[in-house]
PDB file of N, CA and C in Angstrom:
ATOM      1  N   MET A   1     125.396 160.085  83.364  1.00  0.00           N
ATOM      2  CA  MET A   1     124.247 160.459  82.559  1.00  0.00           C
ATOM      3  C   MET A   1     124.664 161.646  81.709  1.00  0.00           C
ATOM      4  N   GLN A   2     124.705 161.420  80.410  1.00  0.00           N
ATOM      5  CA  GLN A   2     125.119 162.492  79.512  1.00  0.00           C
ATOM      6  C   GLN A   2     124.182 162.544  78.308  1.00  0.00           C
ATOM      7  N   LEU A   3     123.640 163.720  78.059  1.00  0.00           N
ATOM      8  CA  LEU A   3     122.761 163.933  76.924  1.00  0.00           C
ATOM      9  C   LEU A   3     123.580 163.874  75.645  1.00  0.00           C
ATOM     10  N   LYS A   4     123.047 163.240  74.617  1.00  0.00           N
ATOM     11  CA  LYS A   4     123.753 163.197  73.338  1.00  0.00           C
ATOM     12  C   LYS A   4     123.996 164.616  72.846  1.00  0.00           C
ATOM     13  N   ARG A   5     125.116 164.846  72.242  1.00  0.00           N
ATOM     14  CA  ARG A   5     125.542 166.198  71.852  1.00  0.00           C
ATOM     15  C   ARG A   5     124.652 166.852  70.799  1.00  0.00           C
ATOM     16  N   ASN A   6     124.047 166.072  69.929  1.00  0.00           N
ATOM     17  CA  ASN A   6     123.277 166.656  68.832  1.00  0.00           C
ATOM     18  C   ASN A   6     121.834 166.999  69.208  1.00  0.00           C
ATOM     19  N   ILE A   7     121.442 166.753  70.438  1.00  0.00           N
ATOM     20  CA  ILE A   7     120.076 167.027  70.878  1.00  0.00           C
ATOM     21  C   ILE A   7     119.889 168.532  71.045  1.00  0.00           C
ATOM     22  N   ALA A   8     118.838 169.057  70.434  1.00  0.00           N
ATOM     23  CA  ALA A   8     118.529 170.489  70.529  1.00  0.00           C
ATOM     24  C   ALA A   8     117.406 170.713  71.537  1.00  0.00           C
ATOM     25  N   ILE A   9     117.566 171.752  72.337  1.00  0.00           N
ATOM     26  CA  ILE A   9     116.568 172.093  73.356  1.00  0.00           C
ATOM     27  C   ILE A   9     116.153 173.545  73.146  1.00  0.00           C
ATOM     28  N   SER A  10     114.850 173.774  73.000  1.00  0.00           N
ATOM     29  CA  SER A  10     114.371 175.148  72.828  1.00  0.00           C
ATOM     30  C   SER A  10     114.025 175.750  74.187  1.00  0.00           C
ATOM     31  N   ASP A  11     113.989 177.070  74.253  1.00  0.00           N
ATOM     32  CA  ASP A  11     113.603 177.758  75.480  1.00  0.00           C
ATOM     33  C   ASP A  11     112.147 177.497  75.833  1.00  0.00           C
ATOM     34  N   SER A  12     111.342 177.174  74.837  1.00  0.00           N
ATOM     35  CA  SER A  12     109.911 176.976  75.083  1.00  0.00           C
ATOM     36  C   SER A  12     109.555 175.550  75.490  1.00  0.00           C
ATOM     37  N   GLY A  13     110.555 174.669  75.606  1.00  0.00           N
ATOM     38  CA  GLY A  13     110.272 173.342  76.132  1.00  0.00           C
ATOM     39  C   GLY A  13     110.164 172.236  75.109  1.00  0.00           C
ATOM     40  N   PHE A  14     110.809 172.396  73.971  1.00  0.00           N
ATOM     41  CA  PHE A  14     110.816 171.325  72.980  1.00  0.00           C
ATOM     42  C   PHE A  14     112.210 170.745  72.864  1.00  0.00           C
ATOM     43  N   LEU A  15     112.242 169.448  72.703  1.00  0.00           N
ATOM     44  CA  LEU A  15     113.485 168.703  72.563  1.00  0.00           C
ATOM     45  C   LEU A  15     113.461 168.065  71.189  1.00  0.00           C
ATOM     46  N   PHE A  16     114.550 168.180  70.433  1.00  0.00           N
ATOM     47  CA  PHE A  16     114.597 167.653  69.074  1.00  0.00           C
ATOM     48  C   PHE A  16     115.827 166.770  68.902  1.00  0.00           C
ATOM     49  N   ASN A  17     115.602 165.578  68.370  1.00  0.00           N
ATOM     50  CA  ASN A  17     116.685 164.648  68.071  1.00  0.00           C
ATOM     51  C   ASN A  17     116.856 164.619  66.555  1.00  0.00           C
ATOM     52  N   PRO A  18     117.866 165.302  66.016  1.00  0.00           N
ATOM     53  CA  PRO A  18     118.032 165.361  64.565  1.00  0.00           C
ATOM     54  C   PRO A  18     118.412 164.017  63.948  1.00  0.00           C
ATOM     55  N   SER A  19     118.937 163.109  64.740  1.00  0.00           N
ATOM     56  CA  SER A  19     119.294 161.785  64.217  1.00  0.00           C
ATOM     57  C   SER A  19     118.071 160.980  63.805  1.00  0.00           C
ATOM     58  N   THR A  20     116.970 161.166  64.545  1.00  0.00           N
ATOM     59  CA  THR A  20     115.753 160.398  64.270  1.00  0.00           C
ATOM     60  C   THR A  20     114.617 161.249  63.727  1.00  0.00           C
ATOM     61  N   GLY A  21     114.714 162.573  63.918  1.00  0.00           N
ATOM     62  CA  GLY A  21     113.634 163.469  63.527  1.00  0.00           C
ATOM     63  C   GLY A  21     112.537 163.568  64.576  1.00  0.00           C
ATOM     64  N   ASP A  22     112.725 162.888  65.711  1.00  0.00           N
ATOM     65  CA  ASP A  22     111.725 162.910  66.779  1.00  0.00           C
ATOM     66  C   ASP A  22     111.817 164.201  67.584  1.00  0.00           C
ATOM     67  N   SER A  23     110.663 164.685  68.027  1.00  0.00           N
ATOM     68  CA  SER A  23     110.632 165.836  68.918  1.00  0.00           C
ATOM     69  C   SER A  23     109.744 165.517  70.109  1.00  0.00           C
ATOM     70  N   TYR A  24     110.030 166.160  71.225  1.00  0.00           N
ATOM     71  CA  TYR A  24     109.339 165.900  72.481  1.00  0.00           C
ATOM     72  C   TYR A  24     109.045 167.220  73.159  1.00  0.00           C
ATOM     73  N   SER A  25     107.981 167.240  73.920  1.00  0.00           N
ATOM     74  CA  SER A  25     107.629 168.403  74.723  1.00  0.00           C
ATOM     75  C   SER A  25     108.023 168.096  76.164  1.00  0.00           C
ATOM     76  N   ILE A  26     108.698 169.037  76.807  1.00  0.00           N
ATOM     77  CA  ILE A  26     109.122 168.835  78.185  1.00  0.00           C
ATOM     78  C   ILE A  26     108.673 170.013  79.039  1.00  0.00           C
ATOM     79  N   ASN A  27     108.509 169.745  80.340  1.00  0.00           N
ATOM     80  CA  ASN A  27     108.086 170.821  81.235  1.00  0.00           C
ATOM     81  C   ASN A  27     109.294 171.655  81.671  1.00  0.00           C
ATOM     82  N   THR A  28     109.057 172.676  82.450  1.00  0.00           N
ATOM     83  CA  THR A  28     110.100 173.615  82.861  1.00  0.00           C
ATOM     84  C   THR A  28     111.232 172.924  83.615  1.00  0.00           C
ATOM     85  N   ILE A  29     110.892 172.044  84.531  1.00  0.00           N
ATOM     86  CA  ILE A  29     111.921 171.362  85.314  1.00  0.00           C
ATOM     87  C   ILE A  29     112.711 170.404  84.433  1.00  0.00           C
ATOM     88  N   GLY A  30     112.029 169.675  83.554  1.00  0.00           N
ATOM     89  CA  GLY A  30     112.723 168.802  82.612  1.00  0.00           C
ATOM     90  C   GLY A  30     113.670 169.593  81.729  1.00  0.00           C
ATOM     91  N   ASN A  31     113.220 170.755  81.294  1.00  0.00           N
ATOM     92  CA  ASN A  31     114.057 171.633  80.470  1.00  0.00           C
ATOM     93  C   ASN A  31     115.314 172.045  81.236  1.00  0.00           C
ATOM     94  N   GLN A  32     115.159 172.392  82.510  1.00  0.00           N
ATOM     95  CA  GLN A  32     116.310 172.803  83.320  1.00  0.00           C
ATOM     96  C   GLN A  32     117.274 171.634  83.511  1.00  0.00           C
ATOM     97  N   ILE A  33     116.764 170.453  83.760  1.00  0.00           N
ATOM     98  CA  ILE A  33     117.619 169.275  83.928  1.00  0.00           C
ATOM     99  C   ILE A  33     118.418 169.026  82.653  1.00  0.00           C
ATOM    100  N   LEU A  34     117.758 169.117  81.509  1.00  0.00           N
ATOM    101  CA  LEU A  34     118.452 168.891  80.240  1.00  0.00           C
ATOM    102  C   LEU A  34     119.537 169.940  80.004  1.00  0.00           C
ATOM    103  N   ARG A  35     119.262 171.172  80.347  1.00  0.00           N
ATOM    104  CA  ARG A  35     120.274 172.223  80.181  1.00  0.00           C
ATOM    105  C   ARG A  35     121.482 171.967  81.089  1.00  0.00           C
ATOM    106  N   LEU A  36     121.233 171.520  82.288  1.00  0.00           N
ATOM    107  CA  LEU A  36     122.335 171.171  83.190  1.00  0.00           C
ATOM    108  C   LEU A  36     123.133 169.994  82.633  1.00  0.00           C
ATOM    109  N   MET A  37     122.434 169.043  82.055  1.00  0.00           N
ATOM    110  CA  MET A  37     123.118 167.899  81.445  1.00  0.00           C
ATOM    111  C   MET A  37     123.983 168.357  80.276  1.00  0.00           C
ATOM    112  N   LYS A  38     123.478 169.282  79.461  1.00  0.00           N
ATOM    113  CA  LYS A  38     124.254 169.812  78.330  1.00  0.00           C
ATOM    114  C   LYS A  38     125.503 170.547  78.821  1.00  0.00           C
ATOM    115  N   GLU A  39     125.466 171.054  80.053  1.00  0.00           N
ATOM    116  CA  GLU A  39     126.623 171.712  80.661  1.00  0.00           C
ATOM    117  C   GLU A  39     127.548 170.691  81.334  1.00  0.00           C
ATOM    118  N   ASP A  40     127.292 169.401  81.103  1.00  0.00           N
ATOM    119  CA  ASP A  40     128.076 168.292  81.665  1.00  0.00           C
ATOM    120  C   ASP A  40     128.030 168.224  83.184  1.00  0.00           C
ATOM    121  N   LYS A  41     126.916 168.636  83.774  1.00  0.00           N
ATOM    122  CA  LYS A  41     126.738 168.494  85.220  1.00  0.00           C
ATOM    123  C   LYS A  41     126.424 167.029  85.517  1.00  0.00           C
ATOM    124  N   ASP A  42     126.988 166.503  86.610  1.00  0.00           N
ATOM    125  CA  ASP A  42     126.687 165.118  86.979  1.00  0.00           C
ATOM    126  C   ASP A  42     125.411 165.072  87.820  1.00  0.00           C
ATOM    127  N   GLU A  43     124.969 163.866  88.153  1.00  0.00           N
ATOM    128  CA  GLU A  43     123.706 163.714  88.876  1.00  0.00           C
ATOM    129  C   GLU A  43     123.711 164.454  90.208  1.00  0.00           C
ATOM    130  N   ASN A  44     124.816 164.391  90.932  1.00  0.00           N
ATOM    131  CA  ASN A  44     124.889 165.076  92.223  1.00  0.00           C
ATOM    132  C   ASN A  44     124.780 166.582  92.064  1.00  0.00           C
ATOM    133  N   GLN A  45     125.385 167.127  91.026  1.00  0.00           N
ATOM    134  CA  GLN A  45     125.293 168.567  90.781  1.00  0.00           C
ATOM    135  C   GLN A  45     123.869 168.958  90.391  1.00  0.00           C
ATOM    136  N   ILE A  46     123.206 168.109  89.631  1.00  0.00           N
ATOM    137  CA  ILE A  46     121.812 168.381  89.248  1.00  0.00           C
ATOM    138  C   ILE A  46     120.918 168.339  90.482  1.00  0.00           C
ATOM    139  N   ILE A  47     121.111 167.333  91.326  1.00  0.00           N
ATOM    140  CA  ILE A  47     120.323 167.228  92.563  1.00  0.00           C
ATOM    141  C   ILE A  47     120.544 168.454  93.429  1.00  0.00           C
ATOM    142  N   GLU A  48     121.783 168.862  93.587  1.00  0.00           N
ATOM    143  CA  GLU A  48     122.103 170.045  94.387  1.00  0.00           C
ATOM    144  C   GLU A  48     121.424 171.295  93.823  1.00  0.00           C
ATOM    145  N   TYR A  49     121.473 171.467  92.506  1.00  0.00           N
ATOM    146  CA  TYR A  49     120.825 172.615  91.867  1.00  0.00           C
ATOM    147  C   TYR A  49     119.320 172.606  92.146  1.00  0.00           C
ATOM    148  N   MET A  50     118.696 171.452  91.996  1.00  0.00           N
ATOM    149  CA  MET A  50     117.249 171.356  92.191  1.00  0.00           C
ATOM    150  C   MET A  50     116.871 171.675  93.639  1.00  0.00           C
ATOM    151  N   LEU A  51     117.655 171.185  94.581  1.00  0.00           N
ATOM    152  CA  LEU A  51     117.373 171.452  95.993  1.00  0.00           C
ATOM    153  C   LEU A  51     117.520 172.935  96.325  1.00  0.00           C
ATOM    154  N   GLU A  52     118.479 173.592  95.687  1.00  0.00           N
ATOM    155  CA  GLU A  52     118.708 175.014  95.950  1.00  0.00           C
ATOM    156  C   GLU A  52     117.671 175.918  95.292  1.00  0.00           C
ATOM    157  N   ASN A  53     117.078 175.459  94.192  1.00  0.00           N
ATOM    158  CA  ASN A  53     116.222 176.344  93.397  1.00  0.00           C
ATOM    159  C   ASN A  53     114.736 175.998  93.399  1.00  0.00           C
ATOM    160  N   TYR A  54     114.385 174.858  93.952  1.00  0.00           N
ATOM    161  CA  TYR A  54     112.979 174.449  93.993  1.00  0.00           C
ATOM    162  C   TYR A  54     112.629 173.971  95.389  1.00  0.00           C
ATOM    163  N   ASP A  55     111.373 174.118  95.756  1.00  0.00           N
ATOM    164  CA  ASP A  55     110.893 173.688  97.068  1.00  0.00           C
ATOM    165  C   ASP A  55     110.548 172.200  96.988  1.00  0.00           C
ATOM    166  N   ILE A  56     111.576 171.355  97.148  1.00  0.00           N
ATOM    167  CA  ILE A  56     111.417 169.919  97.000  1.00  0.00           C
ATOM    168  C   ILE A  56     112.425 169.226  97.909  1.00  0.00           C
ATOM    169  N   ASP A  57     112.062 168.044  98.425  1.00  0.00           N
ATOM    170  CA  ASP A  57     112.994 167.336  99.298  1.00  0.00           C
ATOM    171  C   ASP A  57     113.875 166.390  98.486  1.00  0.00           C
ATOM    172  N   ILE A  58     114.953 165.955  99.076  1.00  0.00           N
ATOM    173  CA  ILE A  58     115.967 165.179  98.371  1.00  0.00           C
ATOM    174  C   ILE A  58     115.429 163.857  97.835  1.00  0.00           C
ATOM    175  N   ASP A  59     114.541 163.200  98.586  1.00  0.00           N
ATOM    176  CA  ASP A  59     113.998 161.920  98.112  1.00  0.00           C
ATOM    177  C   ASP A  59     113.170 162.108  96.845  1.00  0.00           C
ATOM    178  N   ALA A  60     112.390 163.173  96.807  1.00  0.00           N
ATOM    179  CA  ALA A  60     111.575 163.456  95.624  1.00  0.00           C
ATOM    180  C   ALA A  60     112.458 163.796  94.424  1.00  0.00           C
ATOM    181  N   VAL A  61     113.520 164.576  94.662  1.00  0.00           N
ATOM    182  CA  VAL A  61     114.437 164.936  93.581  1.00  0.00           C
ATOM    183  C   VAL A  61     115.085 163.677  93.010  1.00  0.00           C
ATOM    184  N   LYS A  62     115.573 162.817  93.875  1.00  0.00           N
ATOM    185  CA  LYS A  62     116.239 161.601  93.410  1.00  0.00           C
ATOM    186  C   LYS A  62     115.293 160.715  92.616  1.00  0.00           C
ATOM    187  N   LYS A  63     114.057 160.557  93.098  1.00  0.00           N
ATOM    188  CA  LYS A  63     113.074 159.725  92.386  1.00  0.00           C
ATOM    189  C   LYS A  63     112.720 160.342  91.039  1.00  0.00           C
ATOM    190  N   ASP A  64     112.447 161.648  91.036  1.00  0.00           N
ATOM    191  CA  ASP A  64     112.086 162.324  89.786  1.00  0.00           C
ATOM    192  C   ASP A  64     113.227 162.281  88.775  1.00  0.00           C
ATOM    193  N   LEU A  65     114.453 162.467  89.246  1.00  0.00           N
ATOM    194  CA  LEU A  65     115.606 162.421  88.350  1.00  0.00           C
ATOM    195  C   LEU A  65     115.800 161.012  87.801  1.00  0.00           C
ATOM    196  N   TYR A  66     115.609 159.999  88.645  1.00  0.00           N
ATOM    197  CA  TYR A  66     115.715 158.609  88.197  1.00  0.00           C
ATOM    198  C   TYR A  66     114.664 158.324  87.117  1.00  0.00           C
ATOM    199  N   ASP A  67     113.427 158.724  87.366  1.00  0.00           N
ATOM    200  CA  ASP A  67     112.346 158.502  86.398  1.00  0.00           C
ATOM    201  C   ASP A  67     112.621 159.247  85.089  1.00  0.00           C
ATOM    202  N   PHE A  68     113.099 160.466  85.183  1.00  0.00           N
ATOM    203  CA  PHE A  68     113.403 161.268  83.995  1.00  0.00           C
ATOM    204  C   PHE A  68     114.528 160.619  83.193  1.00  0.00           C
ATOM    205  N   LYS A  69     115.545 160.136  83.904  1.00  0.00           N
ATOM    206  CA  LYS A  69     116.658 159.462  83.244  1.00  0.00           C
ATOM    207  C   LYS A  69     116.183 158.205  82.506  1.00  0.00           C
ATOM    208  N   LYS A  70     115.310 157.445  83.131  1.00  0.00           N
ATOM    209  CA  LYS A  70     114.773 156.237  82.490  1.00  0.00           C
ATOM    210  C   LYS A  70     113.989 156.600  81.228  1.00  0.00           C
ATOM    211  N   MET A  71     113.238 157.689  81.274  1.00  0.00           N
ATOM    212  CA  MET A  71     112.500 158.132  80.097  1.00  0.00           C
ATOM    213  C   MET A  71     113.466 158.515  78.978  1.00  0.00           C
ATOM    214  N   LEU A  72     114.528 159.263  79.324  1.00  0.00           N
ATOM    215  CA  LEU A  72     115.521 159.660  78.334  1.00  0.00           C
ATOM    216  C   LEU A  72     116.213 158.428  77.719  1.00  0.00           C
ATOM    217  N   GLU A  73     116.502 157.437  78.550  1.00  0.00           N
ATOM    218  CA  GLU A  73     117.104 156.197  78.047  1.00  0.00           C
ATOM    219  C   GLU A  73     116.160 155.493  77.086  1.00  0.00           C
ATOM    220  N   SER A  74     114.882 155.441  77.422  1.00  0.00           N
ATOM    221  CA  SER A  74     113.930 154.739  76.554  1.00  0.00           C
ATOM    222  C   SER A  74     113.797 155.410  75.192  1.00  0.00           C
ATOM    223  N   TYR A  75     114.006 156.723  75.138  1.00  0.00           N
ATOM    224  CA  TYR A  75     113.965 157.456  73.875  1.00  0.00           C
ATOM    225  C   TYR A  75     115.347 157.573  73.222  1.00  0.00           C
ATOM    226  N   ARG A  76     116.349 156.944  73.852  1.00  0.00           N
ATOM    227  CA  ARG A  76     117.737 156.924  73.355  1.00  0.00           C
ATOM    228  C   ARG A  76     118.298 158.340  73.172  1.00  0.00           C
ATOM    229  N   LEU A  77     118.089 159.164  74.196  1.00  0.00           N
ATOM    230  CA  LEU A  77     118.561 160.544  74.154  1.00  0.00           C
ATOM    231  C   LEU A  77     119.806 160.765  74.988  1.00  0.00           C
ATOM    232  N   ILE A  78     120.192 159.765  75.791  1.00  0.00           N
ATOM    233  CA  ILE A  78     121.399 159.885  76.588  1.00  0.00           C
ATOM    234  C   ILE A  78     122.366 158.758  76.252  1.00  0.00           C
ATOM    235  N   GLN A  79     123.633 159.025  76.555  1.00  0.00           N
ATOM    236  CA  GLN A  79     124.689 158.040  76.278  1.00  0.00           C
ATOM    237  C   GLN A  79     125.017 157.271  77.526  1.00  0.00           C
TER     238      GLN A  79
END
């Protein structure tokens, strides 16, 4: 799972795709996941980060990450 290189992410939670001109609003956790993806972290590293920094169990993290990834795929934001 790799975020396209040209995708811009603001600190306030906006995602911008300059290829299409589309912009999206994301929550704090989504913003953190995207930043980790921009740092080329793999899914296991993202899951580990989420478990260490948020009060959430592994099954919930995996499901939420899967759902988030599917959303990113549907908007063609990942490669």
